[in-house]
Amino acid sequence: MTKPDLTELDAFACVARHRNFNKAALERGVSASALSHAMRKLETRLGVRLLNRTTRSVTPTEAGEQLLASLRPALRDIDKALDEVNRFRDTPRGTLRLNVPRPAARLLLAPLFGRFLAAYPQVRLEVVTDDGLVDIVAAGFDAGIRFGESLARDMIALPLGPALRFIVVAAPAYAAAHGLPQRPQELKEHACIGRRFPSGAVYAWEFAKDGETLALQVDGPLLLDDDELMIRAALDGVGLSYVYEVQAQELIAQGRLLRVLDDWCPPMPGFYLYYPSRQQMPTTLRVLIDMLRGKPV
């Protein structure tokens, strides 16, 4: 048996991780057909089927799962070794894969894309926006961004940016037609635009004032999972929305949205960037964090 090379094994791990040839091909910058052909060659070389293929899915066989479990730590060690070499270069290089919720991508990362990639032209930044909880190690990401309470204990977490604030907003037309609540308990009398998590759970709006804290399940004609849609619905007078203050403040300044229950909406800890505690921080990730924290390039 001719031993497979590292490129073939890394390609197999990518396909097995994505369970999809098209997604794996996009990550590796090759065609799906070329990747499929390479996997068949690998299976022939090893004399065992590694992947079960149907028209709808790709899943590892028992042998494939065992090989993937053995390859993961080895590939991580190789990445770590290469990154150590990377530290001796003047300019970091390589791919940095991040999994982040959409609000964090818009608020933290999007404003830095141009400056970061101009400063580090040999870095390829891949950002996957996902509001659900993801096992970043199993999914092949270098790091993720989430709120602190969502992080697993075996992760190193670094705070990013200032504290965040959720606020309730409404259009002037809605306020004129229905009035506005003066206390959170009065929200039950109003049309509220709900927020649903990827898990299917509906978010309870959180309030605090003078030591009193409340988490209220609200009701209304519309349930969404995207902040920009919530703001648009509020602008259209559909009801009250509970959104990030930073995303609504310009509309508030223009008079197109009104603050509601503002003294019940205190700031809260912001986002955290996290990565596995057993993994040394990649150089590409370190320079991104430095830029996120405002350090000079």
C-alpha atoms as a PDB file:
ATOM      1  CA  MET A   1       0.000   0.000   0.000  1.00  0.00           C
ATOM      2  CA  THR A   2       1.328   3.433  -0.969  1.00  0.00           C
ATOM      3  CA  LYS A   3       1.003   5.816   1.942  1.00  0.00           C
ATOM      4  CA  PRO A   4      -1.245   8.840   1.307  1.00  0.00           C
ATOM      5  CA  ASP A   5       0.324  12.264   1.539  1.00  0.00           C
ATOM      6  CA  LEU A   6      -0.643  15.013   3.967  1.00  0.00           C
ATOM      7  CA  THR A   7      -2.629  16.942   1.337  1.00  0.00           C
ATOM      8  CA  GLU A   8      -4.919  13.968   0.719  1.00  0.00           C
ATOM      9  CA  LEU A   9      -5.504  13.385   4.421  1.00  0.00           C
ATOM     10  CA  ASP A  10      -6.197  17.056   5.039  1.00  0.00           C
ATOM     11  CA  ALA A  11      -8.662  17.047   2.130  1.00  0.00           C
ATOM     12  CA  PHE A  12     -10.422  14.008   3.581  1.00  0.00           C
ATOM     13  CA  ALA A  13     -10.695  15.710   6.988  1.00  0.00           C
ATOM     14  CA  CYS A  14     -12.193  18.772   5.284  1.00  0.00           C
ATOM     15  CA  VAL A  15     -14.833  16.709   3.439  1.00  0.00           C
ATOM     16  CA  ALA A  16     -15.651  14.688   6.550  1.00  0.00           C
ATOM     17  CA  ARG A  17     -15.991  17.866   8.597  1.00  0.00           C
ATOM     18  CA  HIS A  18     -18.325  19.610   6.137  1.00  0.00           C
ATOM     19  CA  ARG A  19     -20.101  16.396   5.063  1.00  0.00           C
ATOM     20  CA  ASN A  20     -20.465  18.101   1.721  1.00  0.00           C
ATOM     21  CA  PHE A  21     -18.134  18.117  -1.301  1.00  0.00           C
ATOM     22  CA  ASN A  22     -19.215  21.546  -2.522  1.00  0.00           C
ATOM     23  CA  LYS A  23     -18.529  23.261   0.820  1.00  0.00           C
ATOM     24  CA  ALA A  24     -15.216  21.467   1.243  1.00  0.00           C
ATOM     25  CA  ALA A  25     -14.231  22.360  -2.311  1.00  0.00           C
ATOM     26  CA  LEU A  26     -14.979  26.034  -1.680  1.00  0.00           C
ATOM     27  CA  GLU A  27     -12.784  26.009   1.427  1.00  0.00           C
ATOM     28  CA  ARG A  28      -9.911  24.376  -0.423  1.00  0.00           C
ATOM     29  CA  GLY A  29     -10.265  26.367  -3.640  1.00  0.00           C
ATOM     30  CA  VAL A  30     -10.784  23.364  -5.943  1.00  0.00           C
ATOM     31  CA  SER A  31     -13.720  21.897  -7.821  1.00  0.00           C
ATOM     32  CA  ALA A  32     -16.077  19.455  -6.123  1.00  0.00           C
ATOM     33  CA  SER A  33     -15.444  16.873  -8.856  1.00  0.00           C
ATOM     34  CA  ALA A  34     -11.676  17.099  -8.348  1.00  0.00           C
ATOM     35  CA  LEU A  35     -12.120  16.642  -4.610  1.00  0.00           C
ATOM     36  CA  SER A  36     -14.444  13.670  -5.113  1.00  0.00           C
ATOM     37  CA  HIS A  37     -11.906  12.081  -7.479  1.00  0.00           C
ATOM     38  CA  ALA A  38      -9.126  12.624  -4.924  1.00  0.00           C
ATOM     39  CA  MET A  39     -11.199  10.916  -2.226  1.00  0.00           C
ATOM     40  CA  ARG A  40     -11.806   7.890  -4.442  1.00  0.00           C
ATOM     41  CA  LYS A  41      -8.077   7.653  -5.109  1.00  0.00           C
ATOM     42  CA  LEU A  42      -7.419   7.818  -1.367  1.00  0.00           C
ATOM     43  CA  GLU A  43      -9.961   5.055  -0.682  1.00  0.00           C
ATOM     44  CA  THR A  44      -8.407   2.893  -3.403  1.00  0.00           C
ATOM     45  CA  ARG A  45      -4.933   3.486  -1.997  1.00  0.00           C
ATOM     46  CA  LEU A  46      -6.040   2.547   1.531  1.00  0.00           C
ATOM     47  CA  GLY A  47      -8.256  -0.305   0.371  1.00  0.00           C
ATOM     48  CA  VAL A  48     -11.221   0.814   2.485  1.00  0.00           C
ATOM     49  CA  ARG A  49     -14.269   3.022   1.978  1.00  0.00           C
ATOM     50  CA  LEU A  50     -14.022   6.220   4.019  1.00  0.00           C
ATOM     51  CA  LEU A  51     -17.133   8.078   2.877  1.00  0.00           C
ATOM     52  CA  ASN A  52     -20.720   7.062   2.225  1.00  0.00           C
ATOM     53  CA  ARG A  53     -22.069   9.123  -0.662  1.00  0.00           C
ATOM     54  CA  THR A  54     -25.679   9.721  -1.677  1.00  0.00           C
ATOM     55  CA  THR A  55     -27.206  12.386  -3.901  1.00  0.00           C
ATOM     56  CA  ARG A  56     -28.041  14.392  -0.775  1.00  0.00           C
ATOM     57  CA  SER A  57     -25.295  13.750   1.753  1.00  0.00           C
ATOM     58  CA  VAL A  58     -21.745  12.642   2.444  1.00  0.00           C
ATOM     59  CA  THR A  59     -21.040  10.898   5.750  1.00  0.00           C
ATOM     60  CA  PRO A  60     -17.929   9.131   7.057  1.00  0.00           C
ATOM     61  CA  THR A  61     -18.043   5.358   7.339  1.00  0.00           C
ATOM     62  CA  GLU A  62     -16.977   3.702  10.577  1.00  0.00           C
ATOM     63  CA  ALA A  63     -13.434   3.524   9.188  1.00  0.00           C
ATOM     64  CA  GLY A  64     -13.689   7.157   8.090  1.00  0.00           C
ATOM     65  CA  GLU A  65     -14.832   8.282  11.540  1.00  0.00           C
ATOM     66  CA  GLN A  66     -11.928   6.436  13.162  1.00  0.00           C
ATOM     67  CA  LEU A  67      -9.429   7.960  10.730  1.00  0.00           C
ATOM     68  CA  LEU A  68     -10.899  11.443  11.255  1.00  0.00           C
ATOM     69  CA  ALA A  69     -10.666  11.110  15.048  1.00  0.00           C
ATOM     70  CA  SER A  70      -6.989  10.201  14.742  1.00  0.00           C
ATOM     71  CA  LEU A  71      -6.237  12.894  12.168  1.00  0.00           C
ATOM     72  CA  ARG A  72      -7.765  15.853  14.022  1.00  0.00           C
ATOM     73  CA  PRO A  73      -5.123  16.195  16.769  1.00  0.00           C
ATOM     74  CA  ALA A  74      -2.332  15.411  14.301  1.00  0.00           C
ATOM     75  CA  LEU A  75      -3.488  18.092  11.853  1.00  0.00           C
ATOM     76  CA  ARG A  76      -3.837  20.584  14.692  1.00  0.00           C
ATOM     77  CA  ASP A  77      -0.262  19.828  15.765  1.00  0.00           C
ATOM     78  CA  ILE A  78       0.940  20.359  12.196  1.00  0.00           C
ATOM     79  CA  ASP A  79      -0.938  23.678  11.981  1.00  0.00           C
ATOM     80  CA  LYS A  80       0.645  24.704  15.271  1.00  0.00           C
ATOM     81  CA  ALA A  81       4.121  23.781  14.034  1.00  0.00           C
ATOM     82  CA  LEU A  82       3.621  25.747  10.822  1.00  0.00           C
ATOM     83  CA  ASP A  83       2.318  28.706  12.766  1.00  0.00           C
ATOM     84  CA  GLU A  84       5.467  28.683  14.879  1.00  0.00           C
ATOM     85  CA  VAL A  85       7.417  29.111  11.647  1.00  0.00           C
ATOM     86  CA  ASN A  86       4.950  31.838  10.672  1.00  0.00           C
ATOM     87  CA  ARG A  87       6.120  33.870  13.667  1.00  0.00           C
ATOM     88  CA  PHE A  88       9.537  34.320  12.038  1.00  0.00           C
ATOM     89  CA  ARG A  89       8.023  36.024   8.993  1.00  0.00           C
ATOM     90  CA  ASP A  90       7.562  39.771   8.817  1.00  0.00           C
ATOM     91  CA  THR A  91       3.992  39.305   7.566  1.00  0.00           C
ATOM     92  CA  PRO A  92       1.562  36.643   8.873  1.00  0.00           C
ATOM     93  CA  ARG A  93       0.096  34.355   6.260  1.00  0.00           C
ATOM     94  CA  GLY A  94      -2.428  31.555   6.000  1.00  0.00           C
ATOM     95  CA  THR A  95      -6.164  31.076   6.433  1.00  0.00           C
ATOM     96  CA  LEU A  96      -8.021  32.252   9.532  1.00  0.00           C
ATOM     97  CA  ARG A  97     -11.482  30.714   9.967  1.00  0.00           C
ATOM     98  CA  LEU A  98     -13.961  32.334  12.356  1.00  0.00           C
ATOM     99  CA  ASN A  99     -17.504  31.403  13.375  1.00  0.00           C
ATOM    100  CA  VAL A 100     -19.470  34.398  14.656  1.00  0.00           C
ATOM    101  CA  PRO A 101     -23.076  35.491  15.156  1.00  0.00           C
ATOM    102  CA  ARG A 102     -24.361  37.941  12.567  1.00  0.00           C
ATOM    103  CA  PRO A 103     -24.489  40.949  14.935  1.00  0.00           C
ATOM    104  CA  ALA A 104     -20.849  40.443  15.937  1.00  0.00           C
ATOM    105  CA  ALA A 105     -19.826  40.146  12.293  1.00  0.00           C
ATOM    106  CA  ARG A 106     -21.578  43.417  11.479  1.00  0.00           C
ATOM    107  CA  LEU A 107     -20.532  45.360  14.562  1.00  0.00           C
ATOM    108  CA  LEU A 108     -16.986  44.099  15.160  1.00  0.00           C
ATOM    109  CA  LEU A 109     -15.555  42.512  12.034  1.00  0.00           C
ATOM    110  CA  ALA A 110     -17.093  44.210   8.999  1.00  0.00           C
ATOM    111  CA  PRO A 111     -15.597  47.647   9.817  1.00  0.00           C
ATOM    112  CA  LEU A 112     -12.117  46.053   9.878  1.00  0.00           C
ATOM    113  CA  PHE A 113     -12.195  43.892   6.735  1.00  0.00           C
ATOM    114  CA  GLY A 114     -10.540  46.400   4.414  1.00  0.00           C
ATOM    115  CA  ARG A 115      -7.907  47.599   6.884  1.00  0.00           C
ATOM    116  CA  PHE A 116      -7.030  44.100   8.120  1.00  0.00           C
ATOM    117  CA  LEU A 117      -6.605  42.546   4.688  1.00  0.00           C
ATOM    118  CA  ALA A 118      -4.654  45.558   3.445  1.00  0.00           C
ATOM    119  CA  ALA A 119      -2.288  45.251   6.415  1.00  0.00           C
ATOM    120  CA  TYR A 120      -1.933  41.463   6.032  1.00  0.00           C
ATOM    121  CA  PRO A 121      -2.313  40.670   2.319  1.00  0.00           C
ATOM    122  CA  GLN A 122      -1.095  37.089   2.735  1.00  0.00           C
ATOM    123  CA  VAL A 123      -3.905  36.216   5.155  1.00  0.00           C
ATOM    124  CA  ARG A 124      -7.152  34.701   3.881  1.00  0.00           C
ATOM    125  CA  LEU A 125      -9.969  35.528   6.291  1.00  0.00           C
ATOM    126  CA  GLU A 126     -13.001  33.228   6.251  1.00  0.00           C
ATOM    127  CA  VAL A 127     -15.966  34.336   8.368  1.00  0.00           C
ATOM    128  CA  VAL A 128     -19.014  32.096   8.765  1.00  0.00           C
ATOM    129  CA  THR A 129     -21.991  33.874  10.334  1.00  0.00           C
ATOM    130  CA  ASP A 130     -24.033  31.546  12.504  1.00  0.00           C
ATOM    131  CA  ASP A 131     -26.273  32.569  15.388  1.00  0.00           C
ATOM    132  CA  GLY A 132     -26.395  29.023  16.762  1.00  0.00           C
ATOM    133  CA  LEU A 133     -23.912  27.421  19.128  1.00  0.00           C
ATOM    134  CA  VAL A 134     -21.164  25.640  17.201  1.00  0.00           C
ATOM    135  CA  ASP A 135     -18.395  23.250  18.236  1.00  0.00           C
ATOM    136  CA  ILE A 136     -15.599  25.254  16.619  1.00  0.00           C
ATOM    137  CA  VAL A 137     -13.054  22.458  17.063  1.00  0.00           C
ATOM    138  CA  ALA A 138     -15.175  19.804  15.338  1.00  0.00           C
ATOM    139  CA  ALA A 139     -16.191  22.281  12.616  1.00  0.00           C
ATOM    140  CA  GLY A 140     -12.602  23.269  11.879  1.00  0.00           C
ATOM    141  CA  PHE A 141     -12.641  26.907  12.991  1.00  0.00           C
ATOM    142  CA  ASP A 142      -9.677  28.668  14.556  1.00  0.00           C
ATOM    143  CA  ALA A 143     -11.882  30.776  16.828  1.00  0.00           C
ATOM    144  CA  GLY A 144     -15.404  32.013  17.432  1.00  0.00           C
ATOM    145  CA  ILE A 145     -17.214  34.990  18.905  1.00  0.00           C
ATOM    146  CA  ARG A 146     -20.113  34.679  21.347  1.00  0.00           C
ATOM    147  CA  PHE A 147     -21.498  36.183  24.539  1.00  0.00           C
ATOM    148  CA  GLY A 148     -19.638  35.056  27.652  1.00  0.00           C
ATOM    149  CA  GLU A 149     -22.429  32.915  29.074  1.00  0.00           C
ATOM    150  CA  SER A 150     -22.491  30.821  25.884  1.00  0.00           C
ATOM    151  CA  LEU A 151     -18.869  29.667  26.091  1.00  0.00           C
ATOM    152  CA  ALA A 152     -17.700  26.189  27.008  1.00  0.00           C
ATOM    153  CA  ARG A 153     -15.386  25.920  30.016  1.00  0.00           C
ATOM    154  CA  ASP A 154     -12.463  24.505  28.043  1.00  0.00           C
ATOM    155  CA  MET A 155     -12.139  27.669  25.962  1.00  0.00           C
ATOM    156  CA  ILE A 156      -9.871  30.669  26.369  1.00  0.00           C
ATOM    157  CA  ALA A 157     -12.090  33.766  26.147  1.00  0.00           C
ATOM    158  CA  LEU A 158     -10.955  37.314  25.452  1.00  0.00           C
ATOM    159  CA  PRO A 159     -13.362  40.268  25.817  1.00  0.00           C
ATOM    160  CA  LEU A 160     -13.833  42.326  22.662  1.00  0.00           C
ATOM    161  CA  GLY A 161     -15.104  45.860  22.386  1.00  0.00           C
ATOM    162  CA  PRO A 162     -17.152  47.866  24.867  1.00  0.00           C
ATOM    163  CA  ALA A 163     -20.222  46.783  26.813  1.00  0.00           C
ATOM    164  CA  LEU A 164     -23.338  46.340  24.687  1.00  0.00           C
ATOM    165  CA  ARG A 165     -26.839  47.584  25.292  1.00  0.00           C
ATOM    166  CA  PHE A 166     -30.152  46.222  24.088  1.00  0.00           C
ATOM    167  CA  ILE A 167     -32.946  48.768  23.837  1.00  0.00           C
ATOM    168  CA  VAL A 168     -36.623  48.797  22.931  1.00  0.00           C
ATOM    169  CA  VAL A 169     -37.592  50.987  19.983  1.00  0.00           C
ATOM    170  CA  ALA A 170     -40.800  51.988  18.242  1.00  0.00           C
ATOM    171  CA  ALA A 171     -41.767  54.164  15.299  1.00  0.00           C
ATOM    172  CA  PRO A 172     -43.399  57.560  16.066  1.00  0.00           C
ATOM    173  CA  ALA A 173     -46.473  56.402  14.120  1.00  0.00           C
ATOM    174  CA  TYR A 174     -46.849  53.376  16.421  1.00  0.00           C
ATOM    175  CA  ALA A 175     -46.476  55.581  19.495  1.00  0.00           C
ATOM    176  CA  ALA A 176     -49.138  57.981  18.197  1.00  0.00           C
ATOM    177  CA  ALA A 177     -51.579  55.165  17.520  1.00  0.00           C
ATOM    178  CA  HIS A 178     -50.995  52.974  20.581  1.00  0.00           C
ATOM    179  CA  GLY A 179     -49.024  54.938  23.147  1.00  0.00           C
ATOM    180  CA  LEU A 180     -45.883  53.558  24.770  1.00  0.00           C
ATOM    181  CA  PRO A 181     -45.383  51.416  27.886  1.00  0.00           C
ATOM    182  CA  GLN A 182     -43.958  53.086  30.993  1.00  0.00           C
ATOM    183  CA  ARG A 183     -43.014  49.840  32.722  1.00  0.00           C
ATOM    184  CA  PRO A 184     -41.913  46.486  31.238  1.00  0.00           C
ATOM    185  CA  GLN A 185     -45.044  44.764  32.555  1.00  0.00           C
ATOM    186  CA  GLU A 186     -47.108  46.953  30.190  1.00  0.00           C
ATOM    187  CA  LEU A 187     -45.509  45.282  27.169  1.00  0.00           C
ATOM    188  CA  LYS A 188     -48.256  42.622  27.326  1.00  0.00           C
ATOM    189  CA  GLU A 189     -50.622  45.304  26.049  1.00  0.00           C
ATOM    190  CA  HIS A 190     -48.476  46.022  22.996  1.00  0.00           C
ATOM    191  CA  ALA A 191     -47.479  44.378  19.728  1.00  0.00           C
ATOM    192  CA  CYS A 192     -43.903  43.155  20.205  1.00  0.00           C
ATOM    193  CA  ILE A 193     -41.623  41.795  17.498  1.00  0.00           C
ATOM    194  CA  GLY A 194     -40.227  38.547  18.891  1.00  0.00           C
ATOM    195  CA  ARG A 195     -36.693  37.183  18.615  1.00  0.00           C
ATOM    196  CA  ARG A 196     -36.203  33.468  17.917  1.00  0.00           C
ATOM    197  CA  PHE A 197     -32.886  31.679  18.435  1.00  0.00           C
ATOM    198  CA  PRO A 198     -31.627  29.035  15.960  1.00  0.00           C
ATOM    199  CA  SER A 199     -32.485  26.415  18.598  1.00  0.00           C
ATOM    200  CA  GLY A 200     -36.136  27.405  18.241  1.00  0.00           C
ATOM    201  CA  ALA A 201     -36.338  29.053  21.676  1.00  0.00           C
ATOM    202  CA  VAL A 202     -37.976  32.488  21.800  1.00  0.00           C
ATOM    203  CA  TYR A 203     -35.947  35.115  23.630  1.00  0.00           C
ATOM    204  CA  ALA A 204     -37.371  36.693  26.783  1.00  0.00           C
ATOM    205  CA  TRP A 205     -36.719  40.457  26.794  1.00  0.00           C
ATOM    206  CA  GLU A 206     -34.463  41.350  29.734  1.00  0.00           C
ATOM    207  CA  PHE A 207     -34.746  44.492  31.873  1.00  0.00           C
ATOM    208  CA  ALA A 208     -33.141  45.814  35.044  1.00  0.00           C
ATOM    209  CA  LYS A 209     -33.589  48.894  37.227  1.00  0.00           C
ATOM    210  CA  ASP A 210     -32.797  49.750  40.858  1.00  0.00           C
ATOM    211  CA  GLY A 211     -31.887  46.151  41.672  1.00  0.00           C
ATOM    212  CA  GLU A 212     -35.020  44.711  40.041  1.00  0.00           C
ATOM    213  CA  THR A 213     -34.501  42.348  37.091  1.00  0.00           C
ATOM    214  CA  LEU A 214     -37.134  41.017  34.727  1.00  0.00           C
ATOM    215  CA  ALA A 215     -37.170  38.555  31.814  1.00  0.00           C
ATOM    216  CA  LEU A 216     -40.478  38.827  29.972  1.00  0.00           C
ATOM    217  CA  GLN A 217     -41.938  36.685  27.231  1.00  0.00           C
ATOM    218  CA  VAL A 218     -43.586  39.123  24.853  1.00  0.00           C
ATOM    219  CA  ASP A 219     -46.222  38.558  22.197  1.00  0.00           C
ATOM    220  CA  GLY A 220     -46.990  40.065  18.847  1.00  0.00           C
ATOM    221  CA  PRO A 221     -47.712  39.499  15.157  1.00  0.00           C
ATOM    222  CA  LEU A 222     -44.116  38.919  14.023  1.00  0.00           C
ATOM    223  CA  LEU A 223     -41.279  36.589  15.076  1.00  0.00           C
ATOM    224  CA  LEU A 224     -37.828  37.092  13.519  1.00  0.00           C
ATOM    225  CA  ASP A 225     -34.218  35.948  13.881  1.00  0.00           C
ATOM    226  CA  ASP A 226     -32.440  38.930  12.293  1.00  0.00           C
ATOM    227  CA  ASP A 227     -31.780  42.340  13.889  1.00  0.00           C
ATOM    228  CA  GLU A 228     -31.952  44.318  10.668  1.00  0.00           C
ATOM    229  CA  LEU A 229     -35.379  42.853   9.919  1.00  0.00           C
ATOM    230  CA  MET A 230     -36.503  43.724  13.457  1.00  0.00           C
ATOM    231  CA  ILE A 231     -35.444  47.331  12.972  1.00  0.00           C
ATOM    232  CA  ARG A 232     -37.180  47.475   9.588  1.00  0.00           C
ATOM    233  CA  ALA A 233     -40.372  46.088  11.106  1.00  0.00           C
ATOM    234  CA  ALA A 234     -40.242  48.682  13.883  1.00  0.00           C
ATOM    235  CA  LEU A 235     -39.744  51.458  11.297  1.00  0.00           C
ATOM    236  CA  ASP A 236     -42.823  50.201   9.479  1.00  0.00           C
ATOM    237  CA  GLY A 237     -44.897  50.474  12.661  1.00  0.00           C
ATOM    238  CA  VAL A 238     -45.413  46.731  13.114  1.00  0.00           C
ATOM    239  CA  GLY A 239     -44.630  46.955  16.823  1.00  0.00           C
ATOM    240  CA  LEU A 240     -41.886  47.338  19.427  1.00  0.00           C
ATOM    241  CA  SER A 241     -38.460  45.822  18.760  1.00  0.00           C
ATOM    242  CA  TYR A 242     -35.702  44.802  21.192  1.00  0.00           C
ATOM    243  CA  VAL A 243     -32.420  45.436  19.353  1.00  0.00           C
ATOM    244  CA  TYR A 244     -28.767  46.407  19.751  1.00  0.00           C
ATOM    245  CA  GLU A 245     -28.575  50.123  20.572  1.00  0.00           C
ATOM    246  CA  VAL A 246     -25.636  50.678  18.229  1.00  0.00           C
ATOM    247  CA  GLN A 247     -27.687  49.438  15.267  1.00  0.00           C
ATOM    248  CA  ALA A 248     -30.584  51.785  15.997  1.00  0.00           C
ATOM    249  CA  GLN A 249     -28.891  54.936  17.303  1.00  0.00           C
ATOM    250  CA  GLU A 250     -28.643  56.701  13.926  1.00  0.00           C
ATOM    251  CA  LEU A 251     -32.357  56.138  13.270  1.00  0.00           C
ATOM    252  CA  ILE A 252     -33.096  57.438  16.767  1.00  0.00           C
ATOM    253  CA  ALA A 253     -31.010  60.563  16.102  1.00  0.00           C
ATOM    254  CA  GLN A 254     -32.980  61.103  12.885  1.00  0.00           C
ATOM    255  CA  GLY A 255     -36.271  60.844  14.779  1.00  0.00           C
ATOM    256  CA  ARG A 256     -37.373  57.775  12.824  1.00  0.00           C
ATOM    257  CA  LEU A 257     -37.351  55.583  15.953  1.00  0.00           C
ATOM    258  CA  LEU A 258     -38.126  56.348  19.585  1.00  0.00           C
ATOM    259  CA  ARG A 259     -36.520  54.889  22.690  1.00  0.00           C
ATOM    260  CA  VAL A 260     -38.899  52.937  24.918  1.00  0.00           C
ATOM    261  CA  LEU A 261     -38.290  51.955  28.566  1.00  0.00           C
ATOM    262  CA  ASP A 262     -34.812  53.417  28.233  1.00  0.00           C
ATOM    263  CA  ASP A 263     -34.130  53.528  31.986  1.00  0.00           C
ATOM    264  CA  TRP A 264     -34.867  49.782  32.163  1.00  0.00           C
ATOM    265  CA  CYS A 265     -32.148  48.909  29.611  1.00  0.00           C
ATOM    266  CA  PRO A 266     -28.703  48.844  31.294  1.00  0.00           C
ATOM    267  CA  PRO A 267     -25.483  47.914  29.468  1.00  0.00           C
ATOM    268  CA  MET A 268     -24.292  44.313  29.571  1.00  0.00           C
ATOM    269  CA  PRO A 269     -20.935  42.601  28.919  1.00  0.00           C
ATOM    270  CA  GLY A 270     -20.055  42.525  25.240  1.00  0.00           C
ATOM    271  CA  PHE A 271     -18.799  39.790  22.965  1.00  0.00           C
ATOM    272  CA  TYR A 272     -15.902  37.442  23.649  1.00  0.00           C
ATOM    273  CA  LEU A 273     -13.543  35.912  21.131  1.00  0.00           C
ATOM    274  CA  TYR A 274     -12.717  32.340  22.127  1.00  0.00           C
ATOM    275  CA  TYR A 275     -10.489  29.481  21.000  1.00  0.00           C
ATOM    276  CA  PRO A 276      -9.542  26.057  22.418  1.00  0.00           C
ATOM    277  CA  SER A 277      -7.407  26.186  25.547  1.00  0.00           C
ATOM    278  CA  ARG A 278      -5.198  23.367  24.266  1.00  0.00           C
ATOM    279  CA  GLN A 279      -4.378  25.318  21.116  1.00  0.00           C
ATOM    280  CA  GLN A 280      -1.754  28.027  20.957  1.00  0.00           C
ATOM    281  CA  MET A 281      -3.178  31.188  19.452  1.00  0.00           C
ATOM    282  CA  PRO A 282      -2.394  31.327  15.702  1.00  0.00           C
ATOM    283  CA  THR A 283      -0.397  34.354  14.581  1.00  0.00           C
ATOM    284  CA  THR A 284      -3.162  35.324  12.180  1.00  0.00           C
ATOM    285  CA  LEU A 285      -5.642  35.363  15.059  1.00  0.00           C
ATOM    286  CA  ARG A 286      -3.321  37.354  17.297  1.00  0.00           C
ATOM    287  CA  VAL A 287      -2.947  40.178  14.782  1.00  0.00           C
ATOM    288  CA  LEU A 288      -6.718  40.278  14.233  1.00  0.00           C
ATOM    289  CA  ILE A 289      -7.315  40.580  17.980  1.00  0.00           C
ATOM    290  CA  ASP A 290      -4.736  43.367  18.182  1.00  0.00           C
ATOM    291  CA  MET A 291      -6.623  45.278  15.495  1.00  0.00           C
ATOM    292  CA  LEU A 292      -9.999  44.631  17.168  1.00  0.00           C
ATOM    293  CA  ARG A 293      -8.540  46.125  20.369  1.00  0.00           C
ATOM    294  CA  GLY A 294      -7.265  49.188  18.547  1.00  0.00           C
ATOM    295  CA  LYS A 295      -3.554  48.384  18.712  1.00  0.00           C
ATOM    296  CA  PRO A 296      -1.434  49.901  15.913  1.00  0.00           C
ATOM    297  CA  VAL A 297      -0.469  47.574  13.065  1.00  0.00           C
END
